[in-house]
Protein backbone atom coordinates (compact mmCIF):
# COMPACT_ATOMS: atom_id res chain seq x y z
CA MET A 1 -62.96 -2.99 40.64
CA LEU A 2 -64.66 -3.17 37.24
CA ALA A 3 -64.47 0.62 36.87
CA LYS A 4 -60.73 0.58 37.56
CA LEU A 5 -60.20 -2.16 34.95
CA ILE A 6 -62.12 -0.12 32.35
CA LEU A 7 -59.96 2.93 33.06
CA ILE A 8 -56.75 0.93 32.62
CA LEU A 9 -57.98 -0.58 29.34
CA ALA A 10 -58.99 2.87 28.03
CA ALA A 11 -55.57 4.29 28.89
CA PHE A 12 -53.89 1.41 27.02
CA LEU A 13 -56.00 1.94 23.90
CA LEU A 14 -55.27 5.66 23.92
CA ALA A 15 -51.52 4.97 23.98
CA LEU A 16 -51.59 2.80 20.82
CA PRO A 17 -52.01 5.66 18.26
CA ALA A 18 -49.09 7.55 19.81
CA VAL A 19 -46.81 4.54 19.26
CA SER A 20 -47.91 4.14 15.64
CA GLN A 21 -47.32 7.84 14.96
CA GLN A 22 -43.76 7.69 16.31
CA ALA A 23 -42.75 4.69 14.17
CA PRO A 24 -42.20 6.65 10.92
CA GLU A 25 -40.11 9.28 12.79
CA THR A 26 -37.83 6.54 14.17
CA ALA A 27 -37.31 5.09 10.69
CA SER A 28 -36.40 8.50 9.26
CA THR A 29 -33.59 9.03 11.76
CA GLN A 30 -31.46 6.09 10.46
CA PRO A 31 -27.89 7.26 9.68
CA GLN A 32 -27.02 7.57 6.00
CA VAL A 33 -23.99 5.75 4.61
CA LYS A 34 -21.72 7.93 2.46
CA VAL A 35 -19.32 6.25 0.05
CA ASN A 36 -16.34 8.21 -1.31
CA MET A 37 -15.03 7.00 -4.69
CA LEU A 38 -11.39 7.82 -5.44
CA ASN A 39 -10.60 9.05 -8.93
CA VAL A 40 -7.15 7.46 -9.08
CA CYS A 41 -6.72 8.04 -12.83
CA ALA A 42 -7.40 11.79 -12.83
CA PRO A 43 -7.18 13.54 -9.44
CA SER A 44 -8.30 17.16 -9.26
CA ALA A 45 -5.91 20.12 -9.40
CA GLU A 46 -6.21 20.62 -5.64
CA GLU A 47 -5.44 16.95 -4.99
CA GLN A 48 -2.41 17.17 -7.27
CA LYS A 49 -1.12 20.08 -5.20
CA GLU A 50 -1.45 18.05 -2.00
CA ILE A 51 0.41 15.10 -3.52
CA SER A 52 3.17 17.39 -4.78
CA ALA A 53 3.51 19.13 -1.39
CA ALA A 54 3.78 15.81 0.48
CA LEU A 55 6.43 14.44 -1.91
CA ALA A 56 8.44 17.65 -1.62
CA ARG A 57 8.69 17.22 2.16
CA VAL A 58 10.22 13.75 2.06
CA PRO A 59 13.77 14.04 3.52
CA LYS A 60 16.38 13.61 0.80
CA GLU A 61 19.28 13.11 3.23
CA PRO A 62 17.59 11.83 6.39
CA LEU A 63 19.28 11.23 9.72
CA PHE A 64 18.16 7.85 10.97
CA GLY A 65 18.03 6.84 14.61
CA SER A 66 19.91 3.80 15.91
CA ASP A 67 16.76 1.65 16.14
CA PHE A 68 15.67 -0.34 13.11
CA GLU A 69 13.62 -3.39 12.14
CA ILE A 70 14.13 -6.01 9.43
CA SER A 71 11.67 -8.89 9.06
CA HIS A 72 10.71 -11.51 6.53
CA GLY A 73 7.95 -14.06 6.19
CA ARG A 74 5.32 -15.89 4.19
CA SER A 75 1.73 -14.71 3.73
CA THR A 76 -1.33 -16.31 2.08
CA LEU A 77 -3.11 -13.84 -0.21
CA THR A 78 -6.83 -14.16 -0.94
CA ASP A 79 -7.51 -10.62 -2.21
CA ALA A 80 -6.03 -8.46 -4.94
CA PRO A 81 -2.99 -6.40 -3.85
CA ASN A 82 -3.75 -2.84 -2.76
CA PHE A 83 -1.88 -1.26 -5.67
CA LEU A 84 -4.25 -2.78 -8.23
CA GLN A 85 -7.14 -0.74 -9.52
CA PRO A 86 -9.76 -1.41 -12.21
CA GLY A 87 -8.21 -0.97 -15.64
CA GLN A 88 -4.73 -2.18 -14.69
CA SER A 89 -3.45 -5.15 -16.63
CA THR A 90 -1.47 -6.96 -13.93
CA HIS A 91 -2.47 -10.61 -13.70
CA ILE A 92 -4.45 -11.66 -10.61
CA PRO A 93 -4.66 -15.39 -9.95
CA GLY A 94 -8.17 -16.71 -9.36
CA GLU A 95 -7.22 -18.65 -6.24
CA ALA A 96 -5.29 -17.87 -3.08
CA SER A 97 -1.57 -17.45 -3.61
CA VAL A 98 1.44 -17.35 -1.32
CA ALA A 99 3.67 -14.29 -1.11
CA LEU A 100 7.13 -14.04 0.37
CA TYR A 101 7.90 -10.65 1.86
CA VAL A 102 10.67 -8.57 3.40
CA ARG A 103 10.15 -5.43 5.50
CA ILE A 104 12.66 -2.77 6.53
CA ARG A 105 11.77 0.00 8.99
CA ARG A 106 13.83 2.98 10.18
CA GLU A 107 13.08 5.93 12.48
CA PHE A 108 14.00 9.52 11.67
CA SER A 109 16.12 10.92 14.50
CA VAL A 110 15.24 14.63 14.17
CA GLN A 111 11.97 16.53 14.34
CA ALA A 112 10.48 16.59 10.87
CA LEU A 113 7.15 16.01 9.18
CA PHE A 114 7.73 12.24 9.05
CA SER A 115 8.65 10.05 12.02
CA SER A 116 9.49 6.76 10.29
CA VAL A 117 9.80 5.06 6.92
CA GLN A 118 8.93 1.47 6.05
CA TYR A 119 9.90 -0.38 2.88
CA SER A 120 8.34 -3.72 1.92
CA PHE A 121 9.00 -6.15 -0.92
CA SER A 122 6.49 -8.86 -1.86
CA ASN A 123 6.70 -11.68 -4.40
CA ASP A 124 3.77 -14.06 -5.01
CA GLY A 125 5.29 -15.79 -8.03
CA GLN A 126 3.20 -13.69 -10.43
CA ASN A 127 3.87 -10.11 -9.32
CA MET A 128 6.65 -8.41 -7.40
CA VAL A 129 5.65 -5.27 -5.49
CA GLU A 130 7.69 -2.62 -3.70
CA THR A 131 5.95 -0.30 -1.23
CA LEU A 132 7.43 2.69 0.60
CA VAL A 133 5.38 4.23 3.42
CA LEU A 134 6.30 7.37 5.38
CA HIS A 135 4.39 7.95 8.64
CA VAL A 136 3.71 11.48 9.85
CA ARG A 137 5.04 12.39 13.29
CA ASP A 138 2.11 14.57 14.40
CA PRO A 139 -0.94 13.78 12.23
CA LYS A 140 -3.17 16.81 11.83
CA ASP A 141 -4.15 16.64 8.19
CA LEU A 142 -1.83 14.10 6.60
CA ILE A 143 -1.38 10.67 8.23
CA GLN A 144 0.94 8.87 5.83
CA LEU A 145 2.34 8.96 2.31
CA SER A 146 2.85 5.75 0.34
CA MET A 147 4.35 4.91 -3.05
CA GLU A 148 4.23 1.59 -4.89
CA ASP A 149 5.64 -0.02 -7.99
CA SER A 150 5.12 -3.48 -9.44
CA ALA A 151 6.39 -5.80 -12.17
CA SER A 152 5.39 -9.19 -13.50
CA ALA A 153 8.03 -9.82 -16.18
CA ILE A 154 11.23 -9.56 -14.13
CA SER A 155 13.10 -12.80 -13.61
CA SER A 156 14.20 -12.50 -9.98
CA PRO A 157 13.89 -10.34 -6.85
CA GLU A 158 17.56 -9.36 -7.27
CA ALA A 159 16.76 -7.98 -10.72
CA MET A 160 13.63 -6.27 -9.42
CA VAL A 161 15.31 -4.30 -6.63
CA ALA A 162 18.19 -3.36 -8.94
CA ALA A 163 15.96 -2.19 -11.80
CA ASN A 164 14.70 1.07 -10.19
CA THR A 165 11.15 0.30 -11.33
CA PRO A 166 9.22 3.61 -11.54
CA ALA A 167 6.33 4.35 -9.18
CA SER A 168 2.91 3.30 -10.43
CA ARG A 169 0.80 4.45 -7.48
CA ILE A 170 0.87 7.31 -4.93
CA ARG A 171 -1.51 7.59 -1.99
CA LEU A 172 -2.11 10.10 0.79
CA GLU A 173 -3.99 8.99 3.90
CA ARG A 174 -5.56 12.08 5.50
CA PHE A 175 -6.95 12.70 8.97
CA GLY A 176 -10.73 13.10 8.92
CA LYS A 177 -10.82 13.36 5.12
CA PRO A 178 -11.00 10.92 2.19
CA SER A 179 -7.73 9.57 0.88
CA ILE A 180 -6.10 10.92 -2.28
CA ALA A 181 -4.57 8.54 -4.81
CA LEU A 182 -2.93 8.63 -8.23
CA ALA A 183 -2.28 5.43 -10.20
CA ARG A 184 -1.15 4.40 -13.65
CA CYS A 185 -4.29 3.43 -15.56
CA SER A 186 -4.40 1.34 -18.71
CA GLY A 187 -7.08 1.14 -21.37
CA THR A 188 -9.77 -1.46 -21.85
CA GLU A 189 -11.19 -3.27 -24.86
CA ASN A 190 -13.74 -0.50 -25.37
CA ALA A 191 -11.68 2.55 -24.39
CA PRO A 192 -8.10 3.74 -24.90
CA PRO A 193 -5.87 4.50 -21.92
CA PRO A 194 -6.51 7.91 -20.34
CA ASP A 195 -4.12 10.76 -21.01
CA GLN A 196 -2.05 11.05 -17.83
CA SER A 197 0.71 13.25 -19.21
CA ALA A 198 -0.25 16.03 -16.78
CA TYR A 199 0.68 13.77 -13.84
CA GLU A 200 4.15 12.79 -15.08
CA PRO A 201 5.91 15.26 -12.71
CA LEU A 202 4.19 13.55 -9.74
CA PHE A 203 5.11 10.05 -10.93
CA ARG A 204 8.67 11.23 -11.57
CA SER A 205 8.99 12.74 -8.07
CA ALA A 206 7.67 9.55 -6.46
CA SER A 207 10.07 7.44 -8.54
CA GLU A 208 13.00 9.60 -7.41
CA VAL A 209 12.00 9.05 -3.77
CA LEU A 210 11.90 5.28 -4.35
CA VAL A 211 15.33 5.32 -5.99
CA SER A 212 16.79 7.31 -3.09
CA TYR A 213 15.34 5.16 -0.32
CA ARG A 214 16.31 1.88 -1.98
CA THR A 215 19.88 3.06 -1.45
CA LEU A 216 19.36 4.62 1.98
CA LEU A 217 17.74 1.45 3.35
CA GLY A 218 20.18 -0.98 1.72
CA VAL A 219 17.38 -2.68 -0.21
CA ARG A 220 19.51 -4.24 -2.95
CA ARG A 221 21.59 -6.12 -0.40
CA THR A 222 19.01 -6.81 2.32
CA VAL A 223 16.03 -8.10 0.28
CA PRO A 224 17.84 -11.02 -1.45
CA ALA A 225 19.59 -11.96 1.80
CA GLU A 226 16.33 -12.00 3.80
CA LEU A 227 14.42 -13.93 1.12
CA ALA A 228 17.14 -16.59 1.17
CA GLN A 229 16.36 -17.24 4.85
CA ILE A 230 12.67 -18.09 4.22
CA PRO A 231 12.16 -21.88 4.10
CA GLY A 232 10.84 -23.00 0.75
CA SER A 233 11.82 -19.85 -1.12
CA PRO A 234 13.58 -20.25 -4.50
CA ALA A 235 16.52 -18.26 -3.13
CA ALA A 236 16.91 -20.67 -0.21
CA ALA A 237 16.87 -23.64 -2.57
CA LYS A 238 19.80 -22.36 -4.62
CA PRO A 239 23.05 -24.20 -3.77
CA LYS A 240 25.80 -22.06 -2.39
CA SER A 241 28.47 -21.32 -4.92
CA SER A 242 31.75 -23.02 -4.22
CA LYS A 243 35.18 -21.79 -5.07
CA PRO A 244 36.36 -22.89 -8.52
CA ALA A 245 38.78 -25.77 -8.51
CA ALA A 246 42.41 -24.89 -8.97
CA LYS A 247 43.83 -25.57 -12.39
CA PRO A 248 46.18 -28.55 -12.51
CA VAL A 249 49.86 -27.72 -12.81
CA GLU A 250 51.27 -28.78 -16.12
CA GLU A 251 54.26 -31.02 -15.89
CA LYS A 252 57.44 -29.80 -17.48
CA LYS A 253 58.69 -31.89 -20.29
């Protein structure tokens, strides 16, 4: 019995070095985390080509299906909007704010690169943002194309949607690859704004798409009407205009 116990103890002690030798190998097999930083101020020449190609394939005279979606609501914001990037001068409130939004969605009825388009308008009292997103029908490389514009000095949503504000951000979401983005970048206290003149054709193309789809989706009419239905919105608080009173008939002398 004692001999058997000694053999078991010896086997246990022999196994200890093997465990200690395997510990460093286990630690070295931990997966590495790779972070991709987007250069939104100066995309490469190849990335510019991809942005240009995606914008060129947006239908200029689309045929929409009969199905559509229009929604509105109220959302509490705790983070900076997606269109903002370091270096932009748009004001971000330090505390949570409330945004009123309107969304319009239409389906393309024929086989094309894109299957649907969604427009959204958001107003948090400080910034008004328009976003247009086109979803790809059969994602292989490109998943979706989005364009955004924003303004903080426009008096009302009606003025915003009628102003044809130019695009300030373009983004491509790609399948299995990092995203590509181009944004308007401003200077800082220590550095002047970067020279983005080479990207003006891309910003101009995106702005033309926004102008076209504001009309195609009836944005100028739909956004103010939907905002007026949200309880507590400034548009809902406005009294309905009444017909002017008829002028009194002057008596003949």
